[in-house]
N, C-alpha and C. Protein backbone atom coordinates (compact mmCIF):
# COMPACT_ATOMS: atom_id res chain seq x y z
N UNK A 1 98.35 82.03 117.91
CA UNK A 1 97.24 82.86 117.51
C UNK A 1 96.62 83.46 118.77
N UNK A 2 96.31 84.77 118.69
CA UNK A 2 95.77 85.49 119.84
C UNK A 2 94.58 86.35 119.43
N UNK A 3 93.79 86.72 120.43
CA UNK A 3 92.65 87.62 120.23
C UNK A 3 92.87 88.91 120.99
N UNK A 4 92.33 89.99 120.43
CA UNK A 4 92.30 91.28 121.10
C UNK A 4 90.90 91.85 120.91
N UNK A 5 90.11 91.85 121.98
CA UNK A 5 88.73 92.35 121.94
C UNK A 5 87.90 91.70 120.84
N UNK A 6 88.05 90.38 120.71
CA UNK A 6 87.27 89.61 119.75
C UNK A 6 87.85 89.53 118.35
N UNK A 7 88.95 90.24 118.12
CA UNK A 7 89.59 90.26 116.80
C UNK A 7 90.87 89.43 116.84
N UNK A 8 91.11 88.67 115.78
CA UNK A 8 92.35 87.89 115.67
C UNK A 8 93.53 88.83 115.43
N UNK A 9 94.53 88.72 116.25
CA UNK A 9 95.75 89.50 116.07
C UNK A 9 96.46 88.97 114.82
N UNK A 10 96.80 89.84 113.91
CA UNK A 10 97.50 89.44 112.69
C UNK A 10 96.59 89.19 111.50
N UNK A 11 95.29 89.07 111.73
CA UNK A 11 94.36 88.90 110.61
C UNK A 11 94.11 90.27 109.97
N UNK A 12 93.81 90.26 108.69
CA UNK A 12 93.42 91.51 108.03
C UNK A 12 92.00 91.83 108.49
N UNK A 13 91.82 93.01 109.01
CA UNK A 13 90.54 93.42 109.57
C UNK A 13 89.77 94.27 108.56
N UNK A 14 88.57 93.79 108.21
CA UNK A 14 87.67 94.51 107.30
C UNK A 14 86.30 94.55 107.99
N UNK A 15 86.07 95.54 108.84
CA UNK A 15 84.83 95.57 109.62
C UNK A 15 83.57 95.61 108.75
N UNK A 16 82.65 94.74 109.06
CA UNK A 16 81.37 94.67 108.36
C UNK A 16 80.30 95.39 109.17
N UNK A 17 79.44 96.16 108.49
CA UNK A 17 78.30 96.73 109.21
C UNK A 17 77.19 95.70 109.43
N UNK A 18 77.33 94.53 108.82
CA UNK A 18 76.29 93.51 108.86
C UNK A 18 76.51 92.57 110.05
N UNK A 19 76.30 93.10 111.23
CA UNK A 19 76.37 92.31 112.46
C UNK A 19 75.62 93.07 113.54
N UNK A 20 75.40 92.41 114.65
CA UNK A 20 74.80 93.05 115.81
C UNK A 20 75.20 92.26 117.05
N UNK A 21 74.62 92.63 118.18
CA UNK A 21 74.95 91.94 119.43
C UNK A 21 74.21 90.61 119.51
N UNK A 22 74.84 89.66 120.16
CA UNK A 22 74.16 88.40 120.44
C UNK A 22 73.08 88.64 121.51
N UNK A 23 72.09 87.77 121.58
CA UNK A 23 71.12 87.90 122.67
C UNK A 23 71.82 87.83 124.03
N UNK A 24 71.21 88.46 125.03
CA UNK A 24 71.78 88.46 126.38
C UNK A 24 72.10 87.05 126.83
N UNK A 25 73.24 86.90 127.47
CA UNK A 25 73.69 85.63 128.05
C UNK A 25 74.04 84.57 127.02
N UNK A 26 74.05 84.91 125.74
CA UNK A 26 74.36 83.91 124.70
C UNK A 26 75.84 84.00 124.35
N UNK A 27 76.52 82.86 124.38
CA UNK A 27 77.91 82.78 123.94
C UNK A 27 78.01 81.75 122.84
N UNK A 28 79.02 81.85 122.00
CA UNK A 28 79.14 80.89 120.91
C UNK A 28 79.32 79.46 121.41
N UNK A 29 78.55 78.56 120.81
CA UNK A 29 78.66 77.14 121.14
C UNK A 29 78.68 76.27 119.89
N UNK A 30 78.72 76.90 118.72
CA UNK A 30 78.69 76.20 117.44
C UNK A 30 79.62 76.92 116.47
N UNK A 31 80.41 76.15 115.73
CA UNK A 31 81.22 76.68 114.64
C UNK A 31 80.62 76.18 113.34
N UNK A 32 80.29 77.11 112.44
CA UNK A 32 79.74 76.77 111.14
C UNK A 32 80.78 77.11 110.08
N UNK A 33 81.13 76.11 109.27
CA UNK A 33 82.11 76.30 108.20
C UNK A 33 81.35 76.37 106.88
N UNK A 34 81.63 77.41 106.13
CA UNK A 34 80.99 77.67 104.84
C UNK A 34 82.05 77.67 103.75
N UNK A 35 81.61 77.70 102.49
CA UNK A 35 82.54 78.05 101.41
C UNK A 35 81.92 79.16 100.59
N UNK A 36 82.81 79.94 99.96
CA UNK A 36 82.36 81.07 99.16
C UNK A 36 83.39 81.35 98.08
N UNK A 37 82.91 81.76 96.93
CA UNK A 37 83.76 82.30 95.87
C UNK A 37 82.91 83.28 95.08
N UNK A 38 83.50 84.42 94.79
CA UNK A 38 82.80 85.45 94.02
C UNK A 38 83.72 86.05 92.97
N UNK A 39 83.25 86.09 91.72
CA UNK A 39 82.09 85.38 91.21
C UNK A 39 82.26 83.87 91.43
N UNK A 40 81.19 83.09 91.30
CA UNK A 40 81.29 81.66 91.57
C UNK A 40 82.45 81.00 90.82
N UNK A 41 83.28 80.29 91.58
CA UNK A 41 84.41 79.57 91.00
C UNK A 41 85.65 80.40 90.77
N UNK A 42 85.63 81.68 91.13
CA UNK A 42 86.80 82.56 90.97
C UNK A 42 87.31 82.96 92.34
N UNK A 43 88.63 83.06 92.45
CA UNK A 43 89.26 83.32 93.74
C UNK A 43 90.16 84.55 93.69
N UNK A 44 90.35 85.16 94.86
CA UNK A 44 91.36 86.18 95.03
C UNK A 44 90.94 87.62 94.81
N UNK A 45 89.76 87.87 94.35
CA UNK A 45 89.35 89.24 94.08
C UNK A 45 88.83 89.95 95.33
N UNK A 46 88.37 91.19 95.16
CA UNK A 46 87.87 91.99 96.28
C UNK A 46 86.40 91.77 96.59
N UNK A 47 85.77 90.85 95.90
CA UNK A 47 84.31 90.77 95.92
C UNK A 47 83.72 90.23 97.22
N UNK A 48 84.41 89.34 97.89
CA UNK A 48 83.88 88.83 99.17
C UNK A 48 83.89 89.96 100.20
N UNK A 49 84.99 90.70 100.27
CA UNK A 49 85.04 91.86 101.17
C UNK A 49 83.89 92.81 100.84
N UNK A 50 83.67 93.06 99.56
CA UNK A 50 82.61 93.99 99.15
C UNK A 50 81.23 93.48 99.56
N UNK A 51 80.98 92.18 99.38
CA UNK A 51 79.69 91.62 99.78
C UNK A 51 79.47 91.79 101.28
N UNK A 52 80.48 91.45 102.07
CA UNK A 52 80.33 91.48 103.53
C UNK A 52 80.33 92.89 104.11
N UNK A 53 80.74 93.88 103.31
CA UNK A 53 80.71 95.27 103.79
C UNK A 53 79.59 96.08 103.14
N UNK A 54 78.78 95.43 102.32
CA UNK A 54 77.65 96.12 101.70
C UNK A 54 78.03 97.04 100.56
N UNK A 55 79.18 96.79 99.94
CA UNK A 55 79.66 97.67 98.87
C UNK A 55 79.80 96.96 97.53
N UNK A 56 79.18 95.80 97.38
CA UNK A 56 79.30 95.04 96.15
C UNK A 56 78.59 95.77 95.01
N UNK A 57 79.32 96.02 93.93
CA UNK A 57 78.77 96.71 92.76
C UNK A 57 77.96 95.71 91.94
N UNK A 58 76.65 95.91 91.83
CA UNK A 58 75.82 94.94 91.10
C UNK A 58 76.12 94.91 89.61
N UNK A 59 76.87 95.88 89.10
CA UNK A 59 77.19 95.94 87.68
C UNK A 59 78.57 95.35 87.35
N UNK A 60 79.34 94.97 88.38
CA UNK A 60 80.70 94.48 88.15
C UNK A 60 80.73 93.08 87.56
N UNK A 61 79.67 92.31 87.74
CA UNK A 61 79.56 90.96 87.20
C UNK A 61 78.07 90.62 87.16
N UNK A 62 77.62 89.90 86.15
CA UNK A 62 76.18 89.59 86.06
C UNK A 62 75.62 88.92 87.32
N UNK A 63 76.38 88.05 87.95
CA UNK A 63 75.89 87.36 89.15
C UNK A 63 75.66 88.33 90.31
N UNK A 64 76.44 89.39 90.37
CA UNK A 64 76.35 90.30 91.51
C UNK A 64 75.00 91.01 91.60
N UNK A 65 74.32 91.17 90.48
CA UNK A 65 73.00 91.80 90.51
C UNK A 65 72.02 91.00 91.36
N UNK A 66 72.23 89.69 91.44
CA UNK A 66 71.36 88.81 92.23
C UNK A 66 71.62 88.89 93.73
N UNK A 67 72.83 89.31 94.12
CA UNK A 67 73.22 89.21 95.53
C UNK A 67 73.62 90.53 96.17
N UNK A 68 73.78 91.58 95.40
CA UNK A 68 74.29 92.85 95.94
C UNK A 68 73.41 93.42 97.05
N UNK A 69 72.14 93.08 97.06
CA UNK A 69 71.21 93.59 98.08
C UNK A 69 71.32 92.86 99.42
N UNK A 70 72.01 91.73 99.45
CA UNK A 70 72.07 90.92 100.67
C UNK A 70 72.85 91.63 101.78
N UNK A 71 72.38 91.47 102.99
CA UNK A 71 73.08 91.99 104.17
C UNK A 71 73.59 90.76 104.93
N UNK A 72 74.78 90.32 104.55
CA UNK A 72 75.37 89.11 105.11
C UNK A 72 76.80 89.39 105.54
N UNK A 73 77.29 88.52 106.42
CA UNK A 73 78.68 88.60 106.86
C UNK A 73 79.06 87.25 107.44
N UNK A 74 80.33 87.09 107.67
CA UNK A 74 80.86 85.96 108.42
C UNK A 74 81.85 86.55 109.41
N UNK A 75 82.23 85.77 110.39
CA UNK A 75 83.26 86.27 111.29
C UNK A 75 84.60 86.36 110.56
N UNK A 76 84.93 85.30 109.81
CA UNK A 76 86.22 85.25 109.12
C UNK A 76 86.09 84.61 107.75
N UNK A 77 87.04 84.93 106.91
CA UNK A 77 87.28 84.27 105.63
C UNK A 77 88.70 83.76 105.66
N UNK A 78 88.90 82.54 105.20
CA UNK A 78 90.26 82.02 105.02
C UNK A 78 90.46 81.84 103.53
N UNK A 79 91.35 82.67 102.98
CA UNK A 79 91.61 82.66 101.54
C UNK A 79 92.43 81.44 101.16
N UNK A 80 92.54 81.19 99.86
CA UNK A 80 93.24 80.01 99.34
C UNK A 80 94.69 79.97 99.82
N UNK A 81 95.33 81.14 99.96
CA UNK A 81 96.73 81.18 100.39
C UNK A 81 96.89 81.15 101.91
N UNK A 82 95.78 81.04 102.64
CA UNK A 82 95.82 80.97 104.09
C UNK A 82 95.62 82.30 104.79
N UNK A 83 95.53 83.39 104.03
CA UNK A 83 95.28 84.69 104.66
C UNK A 83 93.92 84.65 105.37
N UNK A 84 93.90 85.18 106.58
CA UNK A 84 92.65 85.29 107.33
C UNK A 84 92.18 86.73 107.28
N UNK A 85 90.93 86.89 106.90
CA UNK A 85 90.28 88.20 106.90
C UNK A 85 89.16 88.12 107.93
N UNK A 86 89.12 89.06 108.85
CA UNK A 86 88.06 89.05 109.86
C UNK A 86 87.15 90.25 109.65
N UNK A 87 85.85 89.97 109.66
CA UNK A 87 84.81 90.97 109.41
C UNK A 87 84.04 91.37 110.66
N UNK A 88 83.90 90.44 111.59
CA UNK A 88 83.07 90.65 112.78
C UNK A 88 83.81 90.06 113.97
N UNK A 89 83.88 90.77 115.10
CA UNK A 89 84.50 90.16 116.29
C UNK A 89 83.70 88.93 116.73
N UNK A 90 84.39 87.97 117.31
CA UNK A 90 83.75 86.70 117.65
C UNK A 90 82.64 86.84 118.70
N UNK A 91 82.71 87.87 119.53
CA UNK A 91 81.67 88.03 120.55
C UNK A 91 80.39 88.67 120.00
N UNK A 92 80.42 89.12 118.76
CA UNK A 92 79.23 89.70 118.11
C UNK A 92 78.57 88.67 117.21
N UNK A 93 77.35 88.96 116.78
CA UNK A 93 76.58 88.06 115.93
C UNK A 93 76.75 88.47 114.47
N UNK A 94 77.45 87.63 113.71
CA UNK A 94 77.55 87.82 112.26
C UNK A 94 76.30 87.22 111.63
N UNK A 95 76.03 87.64 110.41
CA UNK A 95 74.81 87.20 109.72
C UNK A 95 75.17 86.22 108.61
N UNK A 96 75.52 85.01 108.98
CA UNK A 96 76.03 84.01 108.04
C UNK A 96 75.13 82.80 107.87
N UNK A 97 74.29 82.50 108.83
CA UNK A 97 73.56 81.23 108.82
C UNK A 97 72.19 81.30 108.17
N UNK A 98 71.61 82.46 108.05
CA UNK A 98 70.27 82.57 107.47
C UNK A 98 69.25 81.80 108.29
N UNK A 99 68.21 81.34 107.63
CA UNK A 99 67.20 80.50 108.29
C UNK A 99 67.88 79.17 108.59
N UNK A 100 68.02 78.85 109.87
CA UNK A 100 68.87 77.72 110.23
C UNK A 100 68.40 77.05 111.51
N UNK A 101 68.86 75.81 111.68
CA UNK A 101 68.51 75.01 112.86
C UNK A 101 69.64 74.01 113.10
N UNK A 102 70.11 73.93 114.35
CA UNK A 102 71.13 72.96 114.72
C UNK A 102 70.67 72.23 115.97
N UNK A 103 70.53 70.93 115.88
CA UNK A 103 70.10 70.08 116.99
C UNK A 103 68.86 70.65 117.68
N UNK A 104 67.90 71.07 116.86
CA UNK A 104 66.64 71.57 117.38
C UNK A 104 66.61 73.04 117.76
N UNK A 105 67.76 73.69 117.73
CA UNK A 105 67.81 75.13 118.05
C UNK A 105 67.79 75.93 116.76
N UNK A 106 66.87 76.84 116.66
CA UNK A 106 66.78 77.72 115.49
C UNK A 106 67.62 78.97 115.70
N UNK A 107 67.76 79.76 114.63
CA UNK A 107 68.50 81.03 114.67
C UNK A 107 69.97 80.82 115.05
N UNK A 108 70.65 80.02 114.27
CA UNK A 108 72.04 79.66 114.59
C UNK A 108 72.97 80.87 114.70
N UNK A 109 72.66 81.97 114.01
CA UNK A 109 73.52 83.15 114.16
C UNK A 109 73.65 83.58 115.62
N UNK A 110 72.60 83.34 116.42
CA UNK A 110 72.62 83.76 117.82
C UNK A 110 73.74 83.10 118.61
N UNK A 111 74.07 81.85 118.28
CA UNK A 111 75.00 81.09 119.12
C UNK A 111 76.15 80.46 118.33
N UNK A 112 76.41 80.98 117.14
CA UNK A 112 77.47 80.37 116.33
C UNK A 112 78.50 81.38 115.86
N UNK A 113 79.60 80.84 115.42
CA UNK A 113 80.66 81.59 114.73
C UNK A 113 80.72 81.03 113.32
N UNK A 114 80.78 81.91 112.33
CA UNK A 114 80.82 81.50 110.94
C UNK A 114 82.17 81.78 110.31
N UNK A 115 82.76 80.75 109.75
CA UNK A 115 84.04 80.89 109.03
C UNK A 115 83.83 80.43 107.60
N UNK A 116 84.21 81.29 106.68
CA UNK A 116 84.14 80.99 105.25
C UNK A 116 85.50 80.53 104.76
N UNK A 117 85.51 79.45 103.99
CA UNK A 117 86.71 79.03 103.27
C UNK A 117 86.52 79.44 101.82
N UNK A 118 87.49 80.15 101.26
CA UNK A 118 87.39 80.52 99.86
C UNK A 118 87.50 79.25 99.04
N UNK A 119 86.41 78.91 98.36
CA UNK A 119 86.40 77.67 97.60
C UNK A 119 85.02 77.36 97.08
N UNK A 120 84.89 76.14 96.59
CA UNK A 120 83.62 75.65 96.05
C UNK A 120 83.35 74.26 96.61
N UNK A 121 82.17 73.75 96.33
CA UNK A 121 81.82 72.40 96.77
C UNK A 121 82.61 71.33 96.02
N UNK A 122 83.18 71.67 94.88
CA UNK A 122 83.79 70.66 94.02
C UNK A 122 85.31 70.74 93.94
N UNK A 123 85.92 71.69 94.63
CA UNK A 123 87.37 71.86 94.59
C UNK A 123 87.93 71.70 96.00
N UNK A 124 89.01 70.94 96.11
CA UNK A 124 89.62 70.72 97.42
C UNK A 124 90.15 72.03 97.99
N UNK A 125 90.07 72.15 99.30
CA UNK A 125 90.68 73.29 99.97
C UNK A 125 92.18 73.09 100.01
N UNK A 126 92.92 74.16 100.31
CA UNK A 126 94.38 74.08 100.31
C UNK A 126 94.89 73.69 101.70
N UNK A 127 96.12 73.19 101.73
CA UNK A 127 96.74 72.87 103.02
C UNK A 127 96.81 74.12 103.90
N UNK A 128 97.10 75.27 103.30
CA UNK A 128 97.18 76.52 104.07
C UNK A 128 95.83 76.83 104.71
N UNK A 129 94.74 76.59 104.00
CA UNK A 129 93.42 76.83 104.58
C UNK A 129 93.14 75.89 105.74
N UNK A 130 93.48 74.62 105.57
CA UNK A 130 93.26 73.66 106.66
C UNK A 130 94.09 74.02 107.89
N UNK A 131 95.34 74.44 107.69
CA UNK A 131 96.18 74.82 108.83
C UNK A 131 95.57 76.01 109.58
N UNK A 132 95.14 77.00 108.84
CA UNK A 132 94.57 78.19 109.48
C UNK A 132 93.23 77.87 110.15
N UNK A 133 92.41 77.06 109.49
CA UNK A 133 91.14 76.67 110.10
C UNK A 133 91.38 75.93 111.41
N UNK A 134 92.36 75.03 111.43
CA UNK A 134 92.68 74.29 112.65
C UNK A 134 93.16 75.24 113.75
N UNK A 135 94.00 76.21 113.40
CA UNK A 135 94.50 77.15 114.40
C UNK A 135 93.38 78.02 114.96
N UNK A 136 92.52 78.53 114.10
CA UNK A 136 91.40 79.35 114.58
C UNK A 136 90.45 78.50 115.42
N UNK A 137 90.18 77.28 114.98
CA UNK A 137 89.29 76.39 115.73
C UNK A 137 89.84 76.11 117.12
N UNK A 138 91.14 75.82 117.22
CA UNK A 138 91.76 75.58 118.53
C UNK A 138 91.59 76.80 119.44
N UNK A 139 91.81 77.99 118.90
CA UNK A 139 91.65 79.21 119.68
C UNK A 139 90.20 79.37 120.15
N UNK A 140 89.26 79.13 119.25
CA UNK A 140 87.85 79.28 119.60
C UNK A 140 87.42 78.26 120.65
N UNK A 141 87.92 77.04 120.55
CA UNK A 141 87.59 76.01 121.55
C UNK A 141 88.14 76.40 122.92
N UNK A 142 89.34 76.99 122.95
CA UNK A 142 89.90 77.44 124.22
C UNK A 142 89.02 78.53 124.85
N UNK A 143 88.45 79.38 124.02
CA UNK A 143 87.61 80.47 124.49
C UNK A 143 86.16 80.03 124.76
N UNK A 144 85.67 79.17 123.89
CA UNK A 144 84.27 78.69 123.95
C UNK A 144 84.28 77.16 123.87
N UNK A 145 84.52 76.45 124.98
CA UNK A 145 84.72 75.00 124.96
C UNK A 145 83.59 74.19 124.30
N UNK A 146 82.36 74.66 124.34
CA UNK A 146 81.25 73.90 123.75
C UNK A 146 81.42 73.70 122.25
N UNK A 147 82.20 74.56 121.61
CA UNK A 147 82.42 74.42 120.16
C UNK A 147 83.08 73.09 119.83
N UNK A 148 83.88 72.54 120.74
CA UNK A 148 84.60 71.29 120.47
C UNK A 148 83.67 70.18 120.02
N UNK A 149 82.44 70.18 120.51
CA UNK A 149 81.47 69.13 120.18
C UNK A 149 80.44 69.59 119.16
N UNK A 150 80.60 70.81 118.64
CA UNK A 150 79.57 71.38 117.78
C UNK A 150 80.19 72.13 116.60
N UNK A 151 80.59 71.39 115.60
CA UNK A 151 81.15 71.95 114.37
C UNK A 151 80.33 71.39 113.22
N UNK A 152 79.84 72.27 112.36
CA UNK A 152 78.95 71.85 111.28
C UNK A 152 79.24 72.64 110.01
N UNK A 153 78.82 72.08 108.90
CA UNK A 153 78.83 72.81 107.64
C UNK A 153 77.52 73.56 107.48
N UNK A 154 77.54 74.58 106.64
CA UNK A 154 76.32 75.37 106.44
C UNK A 154 75.16 74.49 105.97
N UNK A 155 75.44 73.55 105.09
CA UNK A 155 74.36 72.69 104.59
C UNK A 155 73.77 71.80 105.69
N UNK A 156 74.49 71.62 106.80
CA UNK A 156 73.98 70.84 107.93
C UNK A 156 72.97 71.61 108.77
N UNK A 157 73.05 72.94 108.73
CA UNK A 157 72.16 73.75 109.58
C UNK A 157 71.09 74.49 108.79
N UNK A 158 71.27 74.60 107.49
CA UNK A 158 70.34 75.37 106.66
C UNK A 158 69.98 74.55 105.43
N UNK A 159 68.86 73.84 105.46
CA UNK A 159 68.51 72.94 104.35
C UNK A 159 68.53 73.61 102.98
N UNK A 160 68.18 74.89 102.92
CA UNK A 160 68.19 75.57 101.62
C UNK A 160 69.60 75.95 101.19
N UNK A 161 70.60 75.69 102.01
CA UNK A 161 71.97 76.06 101.68
C UNK A 161 72.48 75.30 100.47
N UNK A 162 71.90 74.15 100.18
CA UNK A 162 72.34 73.41 98.99
C UNK A 162 72.22 74.27 97.75
N UNK A 163 71.16 75.05 97.64
CA UNK A 163 71.00 75.93 96.49
C UNK A 163 72.01 77.06 96.51
N UNK A 164 72.35 77.57 97.69
CA UNK A 164 73.33 78.65 97.78
C UNK A 164 74.70 78.18 97.33
N UNK A 165 75.08 76.95 97.69
CA UNK A 165 76.42 76.48 97.35
C UNK A 165 76.61 76.40 95.84
N UNK A 166 75.54 76.15 95.13
CA UNK A 166 75.65 76.09 93.68
C UNK A 166 75.82 77.47 93.06
N UNK A 167 75.47 78.51 93.79
CA UNK A 167 75.58 79.85 93.25
C UNK A 167 76.80 80.59 93.76
N UNK A 168 77.62 79.94 94.57
CA UNK A 168 78.85 80.56 95.03
C UNK A 168 78.77 81.20 96.39
N UNK A 169 77.66 81.08 97.07
CA UNK A 169 77.55 81.65 98.42
C UNK A 169 77.57 80.54 99.45
C-alpha cells in the first residue's frame, strides 16, 4: 500500500468538500475507527459517498431527512468487500469526530485520522475489512508513528456517539 500526496494509491477517490487544513504544526497522532451504514443496517449503496460529499437526497429514504444537512466526512471508508474509498487526504482535517476529547485533548479532528468501517454495532466486520484496516493502519503508523499508541473508537472520544451508532452514523 502506498500514498501519493495524502491519497491511497489504488483506493477509489471521492473527494469531499467537507474538510479543511489542520492547525499549523499539527500532524495526525490518533486513529479513530467508526462504523457507518446508510440507511441504517443496509450496505453497498451510494449513500455514504453522498453524505460525505454533501449530495445526500433527503427524500431518498425517511432517515436521510434527519442527516442530509450534516457537513461530515471521514478520511476513508472500508466497505464490506474490502474496497477502500478515500474522501480526504490524510494530511487534511476530515470532519468525523464532532465534539470530542481524547486523553484530555479536545477537537480530535485537529490531530486524528478517521476511518469508517461499513457496518453496525451489532454485526461482525468482514475478514476483508480487517485486512484492509490493518494495511492502512500499518501505512499510517509508518507515516505518523504516534498513531501506534493512539487508536480509538468513536464512542471512546465522543460520549454522545452512542446515540449516533444507533442511528447508523
